[in-house]
Amino acid sequence: MITVPDVSTELPPSSRSRERSSRARRGRGRRRSLVWLVRLLAAAIVFFAGLALGRAIESGSSGGETNTSVRTLVPSTLTPQQTVTVTVSSP
């Protein structure tokens, strides 16, 4: 009887580990870029929310219309008081 060695279609262990590590590196790179994209998106949302809040505060701070009235004051004529002279002698 002749024995035939088993033939497997799998890669040898060293090739499998290299393939896994390259996939892992690609996955980590994608995750990092996704994390930065989420951070950038969150920063943009916070920035535009701040702009909207600032504009809302600015436009609502007047509370009402400003009412300005202008009046001209006419000086009245005063009758002169009686003039009194006081003399003090020093001792």
C-alpha atoms as a PDB file:
ATOM      1  CA  MET A   1       0.000   0.000   0.000  1.00  0.00           C
ATOM      2  CA  ILE A   2       1.225   3.423  -0.951  1.00  0.00           C
ATOM      3  CA  THR A   3       0.532   6.386   1.280  1.00  0.00           C
ATOM      4  CA  VAL A   4       0.047   9.799  -0.224  1.00  0.00           C
ATOM      5  CA  PRO A   5       0.819  12.873   1.835  1.00  0.00           C
ATOM      6  CA  ASP A   6      -2.136  15.075   2.667  1.00  0.00           C
ATOM      7  CA  VAL A   7      -2.430  18.060   0.388  1.00  0.00           C
ATOM      8  CA  SER A   8      -4.021  21.129   1.864  1.00  0.00           C
ATOM      9  CA  THR A   9      -5.119  24.227   0.032  1.00  0.00           C
ATOM     10  CA  GLU A  10      -4.339  26.431   3.007  1.00  0.00           C
ATOM     11  CA  LEU A  11      -1.305  28.654   3.153  1.00  0.00           C
ATOM     12  CA  PRO A  12       1.595  27.720   5.370  1.00  0.00           C
ATOM     13  CA  PRO A  13       1.469  29.248   8.867  1.00  0.00           C
ATOM     14  CA  SER A  14       4.004  31.981   8.105  1.00  0.00           C
ATOM     15  CA  SER A  15       2.024  33.188   5.089  1.00  0.00           C
ATOM     16  CA  ARG A  16      -1.227  33.149   7.040  1.00  0.00           C
ATOM     17  CA  SER A  17       0.207  35.309   9.798  1.00  0.00           C
ATOM     18  CA  ARG A  18       1.579  37.792   7.255  1.00  0.00           C
ATOM     19  CA  GLU A  19      -1.804  37.974   5.567  1.00  0.00           C
ATOM     20  CA  ARG A  20      -3.580  38.523   8.889  1.00  0.00           C
ATOM     21  CA  SER A  21      -1.163  41.228   9.970  1.00  0.00           C
ATOM     22  CA  SER A  22      -1.526  43.117   6.694  1.00  0.00           C
ATOM     23  CA  ARG A  23      -5.325  42.930   7.037  1.00  0.00           C
ATOM     24  CA  ALA A  24      -5.052  44.127  10.617  1.00  0.00           C
ATOM     25  CA  ARG A  25      -2.857  47.045   9.560  1.00  0.00           C
ATOM     26  CA  ARG A  26      -5.338  48.034   6.867  1.00  0.00           C
ATOM     27  CA  GLY A  27      -8.188  47.750   9.358  1.00  0.00           C
ATOM     28  CA  ARG A  28      -6.382  49.878  11.931  1.00  0.00           C
ATOM     29  CA  GLY A  29      -5.651  52.526   9.323  1.00  0.00           C
ATOM     30  CA  ARG A  30      -9.282  52.617   8.321  1.00  0.00           C
ATOM     31  CA  ARG A  31     -10.361  52.832  11.948  1.00  0.00           C
ATOM     32  CA  ARG A  32      -7.943  55.685  12.603  1.00  0.00           C
ATOM     33  CA  SER A  33      -9.180  57.640   9.601  1.00  0.00           C
ATOM     34  CA  LEU A  34     -12.766  56.959  10.652  1.00  0.00           C
ATOM     35  CA  VAL A  35     -12.017  58.213  14.173  1.00  0.00           C
ATOM     36  CA  TRP A  36     -10.471  61.397  12.801  1.00  0.00           C
ATOM     37  CA  LEU A  37     -13.406  61.875  10.443  1.00  0.00           C
ATOM     38  CA  VAL A  38     -15.830  61.568  13.365  1.00  0.00           C
ATOM     39  CA  ARG A  39     -13.748  64.031  15.405  1.00  0.00           C
ATOM     40  CA  LEU A  40     -13.705  66.516  12.534  1.00  0.00           C
ATOM     41  CA  LEU A  41     -17.441  66.160  12.049  1.00  0.00           C
ATOM     42  CA  ALA A  42     -18.063  66.708  15.775  1.00  0.00           C
ATOM     43  CA  ALA A  43     -15.860  69.821  15.756  1.00  0.00           C
ATOM     44  CA  ALA A  44     -17.761  71.206  12.765  1.00  0.00           C
ATOM     45  CA  ILE A  45     -21.106  70.587  14.485  1.00  0.00           C
ATOM     46  CA  VAL A  46     -19.931  72.336  17.660  1.00  0.00           C
ATOM     47  CA  PHE A  47     -18.556  75.262  15.627  1.00  0.00           C
ATOM     48  CA  PHE A  48     -21.771  75.810  13.660  1.00  0.00           C
ATOM     49  CA  ALA A  49     -23.905  75.398  16.792  1.00  0.00           C
ATOM     50  CA  GLY A  50     -21.819  78.141  18.412  1.00  0.00           C
ATOM     51  CA  LEU A  51     -22.328  80.407  15.419  1.00  0.00           C
ATOM     52  CA  ALA A  52     -26.081  79.833  15.511  1.00  0.00           C
ATOM     53  CA  LEU A  53     -26.220  80.488  19.251  1.00  0.00           C
ATOM     54  CA  GLY A  54     -24.197  83.684  18.873  1.00  0.00           C
ATOM     55  CA  ARG A  55     -26.467  84.995  16.146  1.00  0.00           C
ATOM     56  CA  ALA A  56     -29.569  84.138  18.157  1.00  0.00           C
ATOM     57  CA  ILE A  57     -28.244  85.980  21.199  1.00  0.00           C
ATOM     58  CA  GLU A  58     -27.193  88.955  19.101  1.00  0.00           C
ATOM     59  CA  SER A  59     -30.541  89.303  17.355  1.00  0.00           C
ATOM     60  CA  GLY A  60     -32.626  88.741  20.484  1.00  0.00           C
ATOM     61  CA  SER A  61     -30.717  91.030  22.832  1.00  0.00           C
ATOM     62  CA  SER A  62     -32.545  94.231  21.823  1.00  0.00           C
ATOM     63  CA  GLY A  63     -35.737  93.124  23.570  1.00  0.00           C
ATOM     64  CA  GLY A  64     -37.724  95.836  21.811  1.00  0.00           C
ATOM     65  CA  GLU A  65     -37.321  98.866  19.663  1.00  0.00           C
ATOM     66  CA  THR A  66     -35.335 101.824  20.910  1.00  0.00           C
ATOM     67  CA  ASN A  67     -37.466 104.896  21.508  1.00  0.00           C
ATOM     68  CA  THR A  68     -35.584 108.173  21.378  1.00  0.00           C
ATOM     69  CA  SER A  69     -37.314 111.459  22.190  1.00  0.00           C
ATOM     70  CA  VAL A  70     -35.806 114.869  21.534  1.00  0.00           C
ATOM     71  CA  ARG A  71     -36.930 117.875  23.588  1.00  0.00           C
ATOM     72  CA  THR A  72     -35.767 121.444  23.388  1.00  0.00           C
ATOM     73  CA  LEU A  73     -35.528 123.190  26.732  1.00  0.00           C
ATOM     74  CA  VAL A  74     -36.262 126.902  26.699  1.00  0.00           C
ATOM     75  CA  PRO A  75     -34.559 128.832  29.452  1.00  0.00           C
ATOM     76  CA  SER A  76     -37.063 130.735  31.534  1.00  0.00           C
ATOM     77  CA  THR A  77     -36.404 134.270  32.533  1.00  0.00           C
ATOM     78  CA  LEU A  78     -35.641 134.779  36.189  1.00  0.00           C
ATOM     79  CA  THR A  79     -36.395 137.954  38.018  1.00  0.00           C
ATOM     80  CA  PRO A  80     -33.272 139.240  39.737  1.00  0.00           C
ATOM     81  CA  GLN A  81     -33.178 138.877  43.492  1.00  0.00           C
ATOM     82  CA  GLN A  82     -32.663 141.912  45.707  1.00  0.00           C
ATOM     83  CA  THR A  83     -28.960 142.487  46.262  1.00  0.00           C
ATOM     84  CA  VAL A  84     -27.902 142.761  49.908  1.00  0.00           C
ATOM     85  CA  THR A  85     -24.485 143.912  51.027  1.00  0.00           C
ATOM     86  CA  VAL A  86     -23.143 142.643  54.339  1.00  0.00           C
ATOM     87  CA  THR A  87     -20.208 144.403  55.984  1.00  0.00           C
ATOM     88  CA  VAL A  88     -18.262 142.654  58.715  1.00  0.00           C
ATOM     89  CA  SER A  89     -15.767 144.466  60.859  1.00  0.00           C
ATOM     90  CA  SER A  90     -12.854 142.568  62.222  1.00  0.00           C
ATOM     91  CA  PRO A  91     -12.056 143.044  65.960  1.00  0.00           C
END
